[in-house]
Amino acid sequence: MTARAAFSDGEDAALARAHPLTLFGFDALIAGAARPRPGAMAFRDEHDGEADEATYADLYQRVGAGLSLLRAFDFVRGERVLICCPPSAQSFVLLTAALAAGLDPVLAPLPLPYSRDAVANAARALKVSGLFGPGRFCGLDFETPLLEIAADAPSIRLIGTLHGALDGAADFSSRSLAAEATPRVRLDDDWGADERRLIGALDDLGQVDFTTQGALLGAALDLVRMTRAAGDAPVLSLCAPSSLAALVAGPLAALLAGRPLHFLAPFKSARFIETLDALGPTRLVAPASILPDLGRAGLLTNGALVSVTAVCNGAGAPRLDAEPACPIIELRVAGGAVSLRAAHAPAHGEKGAAARK
């Protein structure tokens, strides 16, 4: 019996949740990841026909620069900021910088026409002090809805842009934070200082669920444990980190597993297949609603996907016509608590082995 097999699944999960890392913040995770492999790729974003790569050292530097910039605006510890998240590393950079600055960030979907009112209502109710989002992303302009949200929430005194330009907004783009002249703060100085800072996320009903960094890190450790058979496969996320579930399944799990995270936007089926071909066997993070489409395309049985984390909103994952050959983990959030369930865990028999070839 190996040392790994000596623990039951329940004991293994309990050990993950009790990991010392859950006592610290996301900034400690990034600083710790940058030490052993500074030059390895942490994130790769593909959007607007361009690619933005960030090594672990780049990620560390960007968060330090974002923290320095936030501190220059004299926020008070515990103030809330609203982050309208595009599917990109920059969303996670700003989230981590805000936490390290002692702020309580709230994640929200991009303020497209269908969500603008919900985001504006949340901004007013929470009395947020800062609003962040892209000025332009994937060929779409978000300047008008962002300015409308800010106009509806008198507590907002800073607007920051994550991508593209926005008149009068502070520049938190990757290009700005990576500039040599940009001041940076050592994340090590803040280790453990703000682990109690809360993270909120706007749900489909317009309510905000709050939870701690430790709880999310514990859930991400559980997910890494449940998908460890995926080995060295990279992570491809089709979900922006605008929900607690997508945050756990994407950036946190990727950093804890030491695997690069790829964001692909906008989603186009041909580009998706091309990306899978380029990456090789992949861990996919996707809305549960697309599982039947993945099944019909044969992607759950042909070895292209070595695991799927299905982010569930409302009902569980839909029924599949064929038996998948890769594990499927359902991930959902209720009342700020993240839960994971192995919706499908193939046996280590001939069928699974054949599918992986």
Protein backbone atom coordinates (compact mmCIF):
# COMPACT_ATOMS: atom_id res chain seq x y z
CA MET A 1 0.00 0.00 0.00
CA THR A 2 1.43 3.38 -0.98
CA ALA A 3 1.46 6.33 1.40
CA ARG A 4 -1.10 8.05 -0.82
CA ALA A 5 -3.51 5.14 -0.69
CA ALA A 6 -3.27 4.97 3.09
CA PHE A 7 -5.90 7.70 3.43
CA SER A 8 -9.58 7.31 2.68
CA ASP A 9 -11.24 9.86 0.41
CA GLY A 10 -12.88 11.47 3.43
CA GLU A 11 -9.60 11.74 5.32
CA ASP A 12 -7.89 13.05 2.18
CA ALA A 13 -10.51 15.80 1.80
CA ALA A 14 -10.23 16.74 5.48
CA LEU A 15 -6.47 17.05 5.14
CA ALA A 16 -6.93 19.34 2.12
CA ARG A 17 -9.32 21.60 3.98
CA ALA A 18 -6.94 21.76 6.96
CA HIS A 19 -3.94 22.65 4.78
CA PRO A 20 -1.92 25.52 6.34
CA LEU A 21 -2.31 27.52 3.12
CA THR A 22 -6.01 28.03 3.93
CA LEU A 23 -4.88 30.20 6.87
CA PHE A 24 -3.37 32.74 4.48
CA GLY A 25 -4.61 34.85 1.60
CA PHE A 26 -4.44 34.63 -2.18
CA ASP A 27 -1.36 36.86 -2.11
CA ALA A 28 0.48 34.18 -0.13
CA LEU A 29 -0.54 31.61 -2.75
CA ILE A 30 0.89 33.73 -5.57
CA ALA A 31 4.08 34.60 -3.70
CA GLY A 32 4.60 30.96 -2.78
CA ALA A 33 4.01 29.79 -6.37
CA ALA A 34 6.47 32.34 -7.78
CA ARG A 35 9.40 31.15 -5.68
CA PRO A 36 10.04 27.66 -7.09
CA ARG A 37 9.03 28.32 -10.72
CA PRO A 38 9.19 32.07 -11.50
CA GLY A 39 9.64 31.56 -15.26
CA ALA A 40 6.89 28.97 -15.77
CA MET A 41 3.66 30.07 -17.41
CA ALA A 42 0.81 30.70 -14.97
CA PHE A 43 -1.85 32.25 -17.23
CA ARG A 44 -2.45 32.67 -20.93
CA ASP A 45 -5.36 34.80 -22.16
CA GLU A 46 -6.52 34.77 -25.76
CA HIS A 47 -8.94 37.53 -26.67
CA ASP A 48 -9.36 40.20 -29.30
CA GLY A 49 -7.03 38.19 -31.53
CA GLU A 50 -4.13 38.67 -29.12
CA ALA A 51 -2.49 36.52 -26.47
CA ASP A 52 -1.35 37.75 -23.06
CA GLU A 53 0.97 35.38 -21.19
CA ALA A 54 1.97 35.76 -17.56
CA THR A 55 4.60 33.72 -15.77
CA TYR A 56 4.38 33.19 -12.03
CA ALA A 57 6.91 35.99 -11.60
CA ASP A 58 4.79 38.25 -13.87
CA LEU A 59 1.71 37.45 -11.82
CA TYR A 60 3.54 38.32 -8.61
CA GLN A 61 4.76 41.61 -10.10
CA ARG A 62 1.32 42.59 -11.43
CA VAL A 63 -0.40 41.96 -8.10
CA GLY A 64 2.29 43.95 -6.29
CA ALA A 65 1.84 46.83 -8.72
CA GLY A 66 -1.95 46.68 -8.38
CA LEU A 67 -1.64 46.71 -4.59
CA SER A 68 0.65 49.74 -4.74
CA LEU A 69 -1.79 51.57 -7.01
CA LEU A 70 -4.79 50.77 -4.80
CA ARG A 71 -2.97 52.03 -1.73
CA ALA A 72 -2.31 55.32 -3.51
CA PHE A 73 -6.07 55.98 -3.60
CA ASP A 74 -6.39 55.92 0.21
CA PHE A 75 -9.05 53.29 0.55
CA VAL A 76 -10.05 52.43 4.12
CA ARG A 77 -9.64 48.82 5.20
CA GLY A 78 -12.90 46.93 4.84
CA GLU A 79 -14.30 49.11 2.05
CA ARG A 80 -15.97 47.21 -0.76
CA VAL A 81 -15.05 47.34 -4.43
CA LEU A 82 -16.98 45.82 -7.33
CA ILE A 83 -15.07 43.94 -10.05
CA CYS A 84 -16.90 43.23 -13.32
CA CYS A 85 -14.80 40.29 -14.44
CA PRO A 86 -13.78 39.51 -18.00
CA PRO A 87 -12.37 36.00 -18.63
CA SER A 88 -8.77 36.98 -18.07
CA ALA A 89 -5.91 36.81 -15.61
CA GLN A 90 -6.32 40.52 -14.93
CA SER A 91 -9.58 39.89 -13.06
CA PHE A 92 -7.72 37.62 -10.63
CA VAL A 93 -4.80 40.06 -10.39
CA LEU A 94 -7.07 42.89 -9.24
CA LEU A 95 -9.04 40.61 -6.91
CA THR A 96 -5.84 39.52 -5.16
CA ALA A 97 -4.49 43.07 -4.99
CA ALA A 98 -7.76 44.29 -3.47
CA LEU A 99 -7.67 41.56 -0.82
CA ALA A 100 -4.05 42.34 0.02
CA ALA A 101 -5.01 46.01 0.34
CA GLY A 102 -7.54 45.09 3.03
CA LEU A 103 -10.62 45.57 0.85
CA ASP A 104 -13.66 43.32 0.51
CA PRO A 105 -14.11 42.76 -3.25
CA VAL A 106 -17.36 41.67 -4.86
CA LEU A 107 -17.28 39.85 -8.20
CA ALA A 108 -19.87 40.48 -10.88
CA PRO A 109 -20.51 39.43 -14.48
CA LEU A 110 -19.69 41.93 -17.16
CA PRO A 111 -22.32 44.70 -17.24
CA LEU A 112 -23.96 43.63 -20.44
CA PRO A 113 -27.48 45.00 -20.98
CA TYR A 114 -29.08 42.02 -19.20
CA SER A 115 -26.99 42.47 -16.05
CA ARG A 116 -26.46 46.23 -15.81
CA ASP A 117 -29.39 46.85 -13.46
CA ALA A 118 -28.46 43.96 -11.17
CA VAL A 119 -24.86 45.17 -10.95
CA ALA A 120 -25.99 48.77 -10.34
CA ASN A 121 -28.41 47.66 -7.61
CA ALA A 122 -25.64 45.69 -5.91
CA ALA A 123 -23.26 48.65 -6.13
CA ARG A 124 -25.81 50.88 -4.38
CA ALA A 125 -26.81 48.35 -1.75
CA LEU A 126 -23.22 47.49 -0.86
CA LYS A 127 -22.06 51.12 -0.97
CA VAL A 128 -19.02 50.14 -3.00
CA SER A 129 -16.17 52.63 -3.18
CA GLY A 130 -14.52 51.40 -6.37
CA LEU A 131 -15.78 49.98 -9.67
CA PHE A 132 -13.50 47.99 -11.98
CA GLY A 133 -14.10 46.44 -15.38
CA PRO A 134 -12.93 46.49 -18.98
CA GLY A 135 -13.39 49.59 -21.08
CA ARG A 136 -13.33 47.34 -24.13
CA PHE A 137 -13.08 43.56 -24.38
CA CYS A 138 -13.58 41.09 -27.23
CA GLY A 139 -14.68 43.84 -29.55
CA LEU A 140 -17.36 45.12 -27.16
CA ASP A 141 -17.41 48.54 -25.46
CA PHE A 142 -18.30 48.59 -21.78
CA GLU A 143 -17.66 52.27 -21.17
CA THR A 144 -21.33 53.30 -21.18
CA PRO A 145 -22.67 50.64 -18.77
CA LEU A 146 -19.74 51.13 -16.39
CA LEU A 147 -20.29 54.88 -16.30
CA GLU A 148 -24.04 54.36 -15.84
CA ILE A 149 -23.41 52.05 -12.90
CA ALA A 150 -21.04 54.58 -11.35
CA ALA A 151 -23.61 57.34 -11.83
CA ASP A 152 -26.25 55.23 -10.04
CA ALA A 153 -23.98 54.56 -7.03
CA PRO A 154 -22.86 57.82 -5.37
CA SER A 155 -20.47 55.97 -3.04
CA ILE A 156 -18.15 55.12 -5.96
CA ARG A 157 -15.13 57.41 -6.02
CA LEU A 158 -12.80 55.41 -8.28
CA ILE A 159 -13.30 53.69 -11.62
CA GLY A 160 -10.54 51.42 -12.84
CA THR A 161 -10.16 49.67 -16.18
CA LEU A 162 -8.78 46.15 -16.61
CA HIS A 163 -8.67 46.14 -20.42
CA GLY A 164 -8.92 48.95 -22.94
CA ALA A 165 -9.17 52.67 -22.27
CA LEU A 166 -11.85 54.49 -20.31
CA ASP A 167 -11.80 58.29 -19.99
CA GLY A 168 -10.98 59.37 -16.46
CA ALA A 169 -10.40 55.82 -15.20
CA ALA A 170 -7.31 54.52 -13.43
CA ASP A 171 -5.37 52.06 -15.57
CA PHE A 172 -5.14 48.58 -14.01
CA SER A 173 -4.43 46.83 -17.32
CA SER A 174 -1.71 44.20 -17.58
CA ARG A 175 0.40 46.53 -19.72
CA SER A 176 0.24 49.29 -17.13
CA LEU A 177 0.96 47.05 -14.14
CA ALA A 178 3.86 45.36 -15.96
CA ALA A 179 5.54 48.68 -16.81
CA GLU A 180 9.03 49.00 -15.32
CA ALA A 181 8.26 52.43 -13.84
CA THR A 182 5.22 51.15 -11.92
CA PRO A 183 5.82 50.99 -8.13
CA ARG A 184 5.39 47.54 -6.59
CA VAL A 185 4.77 46.22 -3.11
CA ARG A 186 6.34 42.98 -1.85
CA LEU A 187 3.49 40.55 -1.30
CA ASP A 188 5.51 38.80 1.40
CA ASP A 189 4.97 41.83 3.64
CA ASP A 190 1.24 41.12 3.63
CA TRP A 191 1.28 37.37 4.17
CA GLY A 192 -1.52 36.35 6.52
CA ALA A 193 -2.46 39.94 7.27
CA ASP A 194 -5.76 39.92 5.41
CA GLU A 195 -6.88 36.30 5.38
CA ARG A 196 -10.13 37.39 7.04
CA ARG A 197 -11.11 39.68 4.18
CA LEU A 198 -14.34 38.50 2.58
CA ILE A 199 -15.02 37.84 -1.09
CA GLY A 200 -18.51 38.35 -2.48
CA ALA A 201 -20.08 37.34 -5.77
CA LEU A 202 -23.30 38.46 -7.39
CA ASP A 203 -25.55 35.47 -8.16
CA ASP A 204 -28.21 35.02 -10.84
CA LEU A 205 -30.90 36.42 -8.53
CA GLY A 206 -29.04 39.64 -7.83
CA GLN A 207 -28.02 38.54 -4.32
CA VAL A 208 -24.45 38.56 -3.06
CA ASP A 209 -22.85 35.52 -1.46
CA PHE A 210 -19.86 36.22 0.80
CA THR A 211 -17.19 33.79 1.91
CA THR A 212 -13.59 33.73 3.09
CA GLN A 213 -10.36 33.18 1.21
CA GLY A 214 -9.67 30.14 3.38
CA ALA A 215 -12.97 28.50 2.44
CA LEU A 216 -12.29 28.99 -1.27
CA LEU A 217 -8.74 27.71 -0.99
CA GLY A 218 -10.02 24.65 0.87
CA ALA A 219 -12.55 23.96 -1.91
CA ALA A 220 -9.84 24.40 -4.56
CA LEU A 221 -7.59 21.93 -2.72
CA ASP A 222 -10.48 19.46 -2.69
CA LEU A 223 -10.94 19.95 -6.44
CA VAL A 224 -7.22 19.39 -7.09
CA ARG A 225 -7.42 16.19 -5.07
CA MET A 226 -10.48 14.98 -7.01
CA THR A 227 -8.81 15.64 -10.37
CA ARG A 228 -5.26 14.52 -9.56
CA ALA A 229 -5.51 11.74 -12.14
CA ALA A 230 -5.37 14.53 -14.77
CA GLY A 231 -1.65 14.77 -14.04
CA ASP A 232 0.21 17.57 -15.78
CA ALA A 233 -2.64 18.61 -18.07
CA PRO A 234 -3.21 22.37 -18.41
CA VAL A 235 -6.48 24.05 -17.43
CA LEU A 236 -8.77 25.67 -20.01
CA SER A 237 -11.57 27.80 -18.57
CA LEU A 238 -14.64 28.95 -20.47
CA CYS A 239 -15.91 30.73 -17.34
CA ALA A 240 -14.86 34.21 -16.28
CA PRO A 241 -13.88 34.28 -12.58
CA SER A 242 -17.01 36.31 -11.81
CA SER A 243 -18.51 33.66 -9.51
CA LEU A 244 -17.11 31.88 -6.48
CA ALA A 245 -17.42 28.55 -8.30
CA ALA A 246 -15.51 29.75 -11.39
CA LEU A 247 -12.90 31.35 -9.14
CA VAL A 248 -12.29 28.04 -7.35
CA ALA A 249 -12.29 25.91 -10.52
CA GLY A 250 -10.11 28.26 -12.57
CA PRO A 251 -7.39 30.45 -11.01
CA LEU A 252 -7.23 28.87 -7.56
CA ALA A 253 -7.20 25.23 -8.67
CA ALA A 254 -4.70 25.99 -11.44
CA LEU A 255 -2.30 27.74 -9.07
CA LEU A 256 -2.58 25.00 -6.46
CA ALA A 257 -2.02 22.29 -9.08
CA GLY A 258 0.88 24.21 -10.59
CA ARG A 259 -0.68 24.01 -14.05
CA PRO A 260 -1.09 26.89 -16.55
CA LEU A 261 -4.59 28.34 -16.89
CA HIS A 262 -5.83 29.36 -20.33
CA PHE A 263 -8.79 31.70 -20.83
CA LEU A 264 -10.44 31.65 -24.25
CA ALA A 265 -12.76 34.48 -25.27
CA PRO A 266 -15.01 34.92 -27.07
CA PHE A 267 -16.10 31.30 -27.34
CA LYS A 268 -16.23 29.99 -30.90
CA SER A 269 -16.50 26.27 -31.53
CA ALA A 270 -13.78 26.20 -34.20
CA ARG A 271 -11.38 28.19 -32.01
CA PHE A 272 -12.22 25.95 -29.06
CA ILE A 273 -11.29 22.81 -31.01
CA GLU A 274 -8.10 24.46 -32.27
CA THR A 275 -7.16 25.36 -28.69
CA LEU A 276 -7.76 21.81 -27.48
CA ASP A 277 -5.63 20.45 -30.31
CA ALA A 278 -2.83 22.84 -29.39
CA LEU A 279 -2.98 22.12 -25.66
CA GLY A 280 -3.30 18.35 -25.81
CA PRO A 281 -5.17 16.52 -23.02
CA THR A 282 -6.82 19.27 -21.01
CA ARG A 283 -8.68 19.94 -17.75
CA LEU A 284 -11.77 21.89 -18.80
CA VAL A 285 -13.75 24.34 -16.68
CA ALA A 286 -17.11 25.05 -18.31
CA PRO A 287 -20.78 25.77 -17.57
CA ALA A 288 -22.63 22.54 -16.81
CA SER A 289 -25.16 23.43 -19.52
CA ILE A 290 -22.69 22.65 -22.33
CA LEU A 291 -21.95 19.07 -21.20
CA PRO A 292 -24.42 17.54 -23.71
CA ASP A 293 -22.73 19.49 -26.52
CA LEU A 294 -19.33 18.19 -25.42
CA GLY A 295 -20.74 14.67 -25.37
CA ARG A 296 -22.24 14.93 -28.85
CA ALA A 297 -18.90 16.24 -30.15
CA GLY A 298 -17.16 13.19 -28.71
CA LEU A 299 -14.93 15.31 -26.47
CA LEU A 300 -15.91 13.39 -23.32
CA THR A 301 -14.74 10.09 -24.75
CA ASN A 302 -11.87 10.75 -27.17
CA GLY A 303 -9.20 11.68 -24.61
CA ALA A 304 -9.14 15.40 -25.46
CA LEU A 305 -10.46 16.17 -21.96
CA VAL A 306 -8.93 14.44 -18.95
CA SER A 307 -11.32 16.09 -16.51
CA VAL A 308 -14.28 18.46 -16.62
CA THR A 309 -15.29 20.79 -13.81
CA ALA A 310 -18.91 21.67 -14.49
CA VAL A 311 -19.88 25.00 -12.94
CA CYS A 312 -23.54 24.62 -11.99
CA ASN A 313 -26.05 27.42 -11.69
CA GLY A 314 -29.39 26.26 -10.32
CA ALA A 315 -30.12 22.67 -11.36
CA GLY A 316 -27.48 19.96 -11.56
CA ALA A 317 -25.59 18.89 -14.63
CA PRO A 318 -27.83 17.68 -17.48
CA ARG A 319 -28.09 14.03 -18.42
CA LEU A 320 -25.59 12.74 -20.98
CA ASP A 321 -26.41 10.41 -23.85
CA ALA A 322 -23.12 8.50 -23.63
CA GLU A 323 -20.94 7.39 -20.73
CA PRO A 324 -17.99 9.83 -20.35
CA ALA A 325 -14.46 8.49 -20.15
CA CYS A 326 -13.18 11.40 -18.03
CA PRO A 327 -14.17 12.44 -14.51
CA ILE A 328 -16.81 15.15 -14.27
CA ILE A 329 -16.96 17.21 -11.08
CA GLU A 330 -20.04 19.33 -10.39
CA LEU A 331 -19.20 22.53 -8.54
CA ARG A 332 -21.85 24.83 -7.11
CA VAL A 333 -22.22 27.59 -4.52
CA ALA A 334 -25.12 28.02 -2.11
CA GLY A 335 -25.11 30.70 0.55
CA GLY A 336 -21.39 31.27 0.10
CA ALA A 337 -20.55 27.58 0.64
CA VAL A 338 -18.83 25.78 -2.23
CA SER A 339 -19.76 22.13 -2.76
CA LEU A 340 -18.22 19.57 -5.10
CA ARG A 341 -19.67 16.30 -6.30
CA ALA A 342 -18.17 13.64 -8.54
CA ALA A 343 -20.93 13.39 -11.12
CA HIS A 344 -18.95 10.78 -13.00
CA ALA A 345 -15.77 8.97 -12.01
CA PRO A 346 -14.89 6.30 -14.60
CA ALA A 347 -13.46 3.04 -13.38
CA HIS A 348 -9.81 2.34 -14.15
CA GLY A 349 -10.74 -0.38 -16.59
CA GLU A 350 -10.19 -1.04 -20.24
CA LYS A 351 -12.76 1.46 -21.41
CA GLY A 352 -11.20 4.41 -19.57
CA ALA A 353 -7.69 3.37 -20.53
CA ALA A 354 -8.63 3.05 -24.19
CA ALA A 355 -10.26 6.46 -24.22
CA ARG A 356 -7.11 8.13 -22.91
CA LYS A 357 -4.92 6.80 -25.74
